[in-house]
Protein backbone atom coordinates (compact mmCIF):
# COMPACT_ATOMS: atom_id res chain seq x y z
CA MET A 1 -153.75 11.82 31.27
CA VAL A 2 -157.18 12.68 32.67
CA TRP A 3 -157.51 15.81 34.81
CA TYR A 4 -160.32 16.79 37.15
CA THR A 5 -161.58 20.11 38.38
CA TYR A 6 -163.15 19.70 41.81
CA ALA A 7 -164.86 21.69 44.52
CA LEU A 8 -164.75 20.90 48.20
CA LYS A 9 -167.01 22.23 50.92
CA SER A 10 -165.87 22.52 54.50
CA GLU A 11 -168.03 20.54 56.89
CA LYS A 12 -166.81 22.89 59.63
CA ASP A 13 -167.70 26.32 58.23
CA HIS A 14 -169.01 25.70 54.66
CA THR A 15 -165.97 27.35 53.02
CA LEU A 16 -165.50 26.39 49.37
CA TYR A 17 -162.18 25.22 47.92
CA ILE A 18 -161.75 24.83 44.16
CA GLY A 19 -158.83 23.00 42.59
CA MET A 20 -157.66 20.55 39.95
CA SER A 21 -155.88 17.22 40.13
CA THR A 22 -155.36 13.90 38.42
CA ASP A 23 -156.50 12.10 41.59
CA VAL A 24 -159.35 13.75 43.49
CA ALA A 25 -159.51 11.08 46.21
CA LYS A 26 -155.81 11.59 47.01
CA ARG A 27 -156.24 15.37 47.10
CA LEU A 28 -159.24 15.07 49.42
CA LYS A 29 -157.12 13.01 51.82
CA GLN A 30 -154.39 15.66 51.68
CA HIS A 31 -156.88 18.44 52.39
CA ASN A 32 -158.47 16.55 55.27
CA SER A 33 -155.13 15.61 56.83
CA GLY A 34 -154.01 19.25 57.01
CA LYS A 35 -151.28 18.95 54.37
CA THR A 36 -152.76 21.80 52.34
CA VAL A 37 -151.63 24.96 54.13
CA SER A 38 -154.18 27.30 52.56
CA ASN A 39 -157.19 25.57 54.06
CA ARG A 40 -156.10 23.24 56.84
CA HIS A 41 -158.11 25.21 59.41
CA HIS A 42 -161.33 24.51 57.51
CA ALA A 43 -161.07 20.68 57.46
CA PRO A 44 -162.82 18.31 57.17
CA PHE A 45 -164.04 18.66 53.58
CA GLU A 46 -166.46 16.83 51.35
CA VAL A 47 -166.38 16.73 47.53
CA ILE A 48 -169.41 18.56 46.15
CA TYR A 49 -168.41 18.73 42.47
CA THR A 50 -166.05 17.06 40.00
CA ARG A 51 -165.68 17.31 36.25
CA GLU A 52 -163.31 15.34 34.03
CA PHE A 53 -161.11 16.87 31.30
CA GLN A 54 -158.69 15.41 28.80
CA THR A 55 -156.05 18.13 29.25
CA ARG A 56 -154.59 20.13 32.12
CA TYR A 57 -155.36 23.32 30.19
CA GLU A 58 -159.09 22.53 29.99
CA ALA A 59 -159.20 21.67 33.69
CA ARG A 60 -157.42 24.93 34.56
CA GLU A 61 -159.80 27.00 32.45
CA HIS A 62 -162.78 25.39 34.18
CA GLU A 63 -161.14 25.97 37.57
CA LYS A 64 -160.85 29.68 36.72
CA TYR A 65 -164.54 29.73 35.76
CA LEU A 66 -165.56 28.11 39.05
CA LYS A 67 -163.53 30.71 40.94
CA SER A 68 -165.41 33.53 39.18
CA GLY A 69 -168.55 35.05 40.62
CA ILE A 70 -170.84 33.08 38.31
CA GLY A 71 -168.96 29.85 39.01
CA ARG A 72 -169.17 30.32 42.78
CA GLU A 73 -172.90 30.99 42.51
CA PHE A 74 -173.25 27.74 40.55
CA LEU A 75 -171.39 25.82 43.28
CA LYS A 76 -173.46 27.40 46.05
CA SER A 77 -176.62 26.20 44.28
CA LEU A 78 -175.52 22.55 44.55
């Protein structure tokens, strides 16, 4: 199964959200419909970054990197 690490940017206040999923389009719909409690007040979102991985473990490790200081700086530069 293919996994993706993704980053979303709030169109409302430019907040970043970083996550992982097997279906980024479905997750974006969930985020924008308010079904994700942690960030429903920041919707709507746009996808600013995705990367594909062959395992959940690899996707999770990359998610952790993106949530680090260096990873967040990388995302802000996009």
